[in-house]
Amino acid sequence: MKSLITQDPKILGGKPIIAGTRISVETILELISSGMEKNEILKEYPFLTKKQIQAAVNYAAKLVGKEESYIFDKAQVVAHEISR
């Protein structure tokens, strides 16, 4: 199955994009975070599909899910800053 999200160093500096377009995952997320509904995005970018928009959201969710979380208490942060 062909991936809906691709990366190419020659397109947008290698940012993840919707395959076959120059629309980045970042752009889709920014539109959604600004309050746009999927149907509004489809009107603005009629060449996109709901599946492509959802693929962008899923891609970002997987990246966030892979991030490691570091929790420091205030004393650790202060000690780190002092040791610099």
C-alpha atoms as a PDB file:
ATOM      1  CA  MET A   1       0.000   0.000   0.000  1.00  0.00           C
ATOM      2  CA  LYS A   2       1.340   3.423  -0.976  1.00  0.00           C
ATOM      3  CA  SER A   3       1.899   5.803   1.915  1.00  0.00           C
ATOM      4  CA  LEU A   4      -0.179   8.960   1.961  1.00  0.00           C
ATOM      5  CA  ILE A   5       2.643  10.816   3.732  1.00  0.00           C
ATOM      6  CA  THR A   6       6.092  11.027   2.156  1.00  0.00           C
ATOM      7  CA  GLN A   7       9.353  12.890   2.574  1.00  0.00           C
ATOM      8  CA  ASP A   8      11.742  14.049  -0.113  1.00  0.00           C
ATOM      9  CA  PRO A   9      14.756  16.243   0.616  1.00  0.00           C
ATOM     10  CA  LYS A  10      14.025  18.123  -2.629  1.00  0.00           C
ATOM     11  CA  ILE A  11      10.499  19.101  -1.529  1.00  0.00           C
ATOM     12  CA  LEU A  12      10.020  21.571   1.335  1.00  0.00           C
ATOM     13  CA  GLY A  13      13.422  20.686   2.738  1.00  0.00           C
ATOM     14  CA  GLY A  14      12.394  17.116   3.478  1.00  0.00           C
ATOM     15  CA  LYS A  15       9.419  17.953   5.678  1.00  0.00           C
ATOM     16  CA  PRO A  16       6.710  15.289   5.708  1.00  0.00           C
ATOM     17  CA  ILE A  17       4.147  16.096   3.025  1.00  0.00           C
ATOM     18  CA  ILE A  18       0.956  14.665   1.644  1.00  0.00           C
ATOM     19  CA  ALA A  19       2.117  12.423  -1.202  1.00  0.00           C
ATOM     20  CA  GLY A  20       1.845  14.001  -4.634  1.00  0.00           C
ATOM     21  CA  THR A  21       1.477  17.521  -3.227  1.00  0.00           C
ATOM     22  CA  ARG A  22       3.558  20.267  -1.697  1.00  0.00           C
ATOM     23  CA  ILE A  23       1.240  20.442   1.315  1.00  0.00           C
ATOM     24  CA  SER A  24       3.107  19.634   4.516  1.00  0.00           C
ATOM     25  CA  VAL A  25       1.783  17.771   7.511  1.00  0.00           C
ATOM     26  CA  GLU A  26       2.681  20.908   9.447  1.00  0.00           C
ATOM     27  CA  THR A  27       0.362  23.008   7.257  1.00  0.00           C
ATOM     28  CA  ILE A  28      -2.556  20.635   7.858  1.00  0.00           C
ATOM     29  CA  LEU A  29      -1.955  20.675  11.614  1.00  0.00           C
ATOM     30  CA  GLU A  30      -1.731  24.471  11.655  1.00  0.00           C
ATOM     31  CA  LEU A  31      -5.043  24.728   9.797  1.00  0.00           C
ATOM     32  CA  ILE A  32      -6.719  22.351  12.227  1.00  0.00           C
ATOM     33  CA  SER A  33      -5.225  24.097  15.261  1.00  0.00           C
ATOM     34  CA  SER A  34      -6.480  27.440  13.935  1.00  0.00           C
ATOM     35  CA  GLY A  35      -9.997  26.032  14.120  1.00  0.00           C
ATOM     36  CA  MET A  36     -10.603  24.882  10.558  1.00  0.00           C
ATOM     37  CA  GLU A  37     -12.790  21.814  10.136  1.00  0.00           C
ATOM     38  CA  LYS A  38     -11.772  19.074   7.712  1.00  0.00           C
ATOM     39  CA  ASN A  39     -14.543  20.124   5.326  1.00  0.00           C
ATOM     40  CA  GLU A  40     -13.202  23.687   5.302  1.00  0.00           C
ATOM     41  CA  ILE A  41      -9.712  22.416   4.511  1.00  0.00           C
ATOM     42  CA  LEU A  42     -11.151  20.370   1.651  1.00  0.00           C
ATOM     43  CA  LYS A  43     -12.817  23.513   0.247  1.00  0.00           C
ATOM     44  CA  GLU A  44      -9.548  25.445   0.522  1.00  0.00           C
ATOM     45  CA  TYR A  45      -7.530  22.569  -0.972  1.00  0.00           C
ATOM     46  CA  PRO A  46     -10.004  20.698  -3.216  1.00  0.00           C
ATOM     47  CA  PHE A  47      -7.311  18.337  -4.506  1.00  0.00           C
ATOM     48  CA  LEU A  48      -6.952  16.805  -1.022  1.00  0.00           C
ATOM     49  CA  THR A  49      -9.069  13.981   0.361  1.00  0.00           C
ATOM     50  CA  LYS A  50     -10.366  13.269   3.848  1.00  0.00           C
ATOM     51  CA  LYS A  51      -8.037  10.263   3.974  1.00  0.00           C
ATOM     52  CA  GLN A  52      -5.025  12.475   3.266  1.00  0.00           C
ATOM     53  CA  ILE A  53      -5.973  14.938   5.990  1.00  0.00           C
ATOM     54  CA  GLN A  54      -6.500  12.116   8.462  1.00  0.00           C
ATOM     55  CA  ALA A  55      -3.163  10.602   7.422  1.00  0.00           C
ATOM     56  CA  ALA A  56      -1.446  13.893   8.321  1.00  0.00           C
ATOM     57  CA  VAL A  57      -3.074  13.884  11.759  1.00  0.00           C
ATOM     58  CA  ASN A  58      -2.186  10.218  12.282  1.00  0.00           C
ATOM     59  CA  TYR A  59       1.419  10.847  11.224  1.00  0.00           C
ATOM     60  CA  ALA A  60       1.787  13.626  13.788  1.00  0.00           C
ATOM     61  CA  ALA A  61       0.129  11.543  16.504  1.00  0.00           C
ATOM     62  CA  LYS A  62       2.596   8.710  15.919  1.00  0.00           C
ATOM     63  CA  LEU A  63       5.535  11.113  16.181  1.00  0.00           C
ATOM     64  CA  VAL A  64       4.268  12.539  19.449  1.00  0.00           C
ATOM     65  CA  GLY A  65       3.628   9.039  20.736  1.00  0.00           C
ATOM     66  CA  LYS A  66       7.273   8.132  20.109  1.00  0.00           C
ATOM     67  CA  GLU A  67       8.652  11.154  21.971  1.00  0.00           C
ATOM     68  CA  GLU A  68      10.408  10.463  25.215  1.00  0.00           C
ATOM     69  CA  SER A  69       9.168  12.386  28.180  1.00  0.00           C
ATOM     70  CA  TYR A  70      11.519  13.838  30.749  1.00  0.00           C
ATOM     71  CA  ILE A  71      10.051  15.097  33.974  1.00  0.00           C
ATOM     72  CA  PHE A  72      12.300  17.128  36.208  1.00  0.00           C
ATOM     73  CA  ASP A  73      11.513  18.613  39.541  1.00  0.00           C
ATOM     74  CA  LYS A  74      12.433  22.220  40.243  1.00  0.00           C
ATOM     75  CA  ALA A  75      15.547  21.259  42.240  1.00  0.00           C
ATOM     76  CA  GLN A  76      16.952  19.285  39.289  1.00  0.00           C
ATOM     77  CA  VAL A  77      16.423  22.217  36.933  1.00  0.00           C
ATOM     78  CA  VAL A  78      18.072  24.663  39.335  1.00  0.00           C
ATOM     79  CA  ALA A  79      21.011  22.288  39.896  1.00  0.00           C
ATOM     80  CA  HIS A  80      21.457  21.922  36.147  1.00  0.00           C
ATOM     81  CA  GLU A  81      21.419  25.685  35.601  1.00  0.00           C
ATOM     82  CA  ILE A  82      23.952  26.232  38.407  1.00  0.00           C
ATOM     83  CA  SER A  83      26.308  23.593  36.999  1.00  0.00           C
ATOM     84  CA  ARG A  84      26.511  25.354  33.639  1.00  0.00           C
END
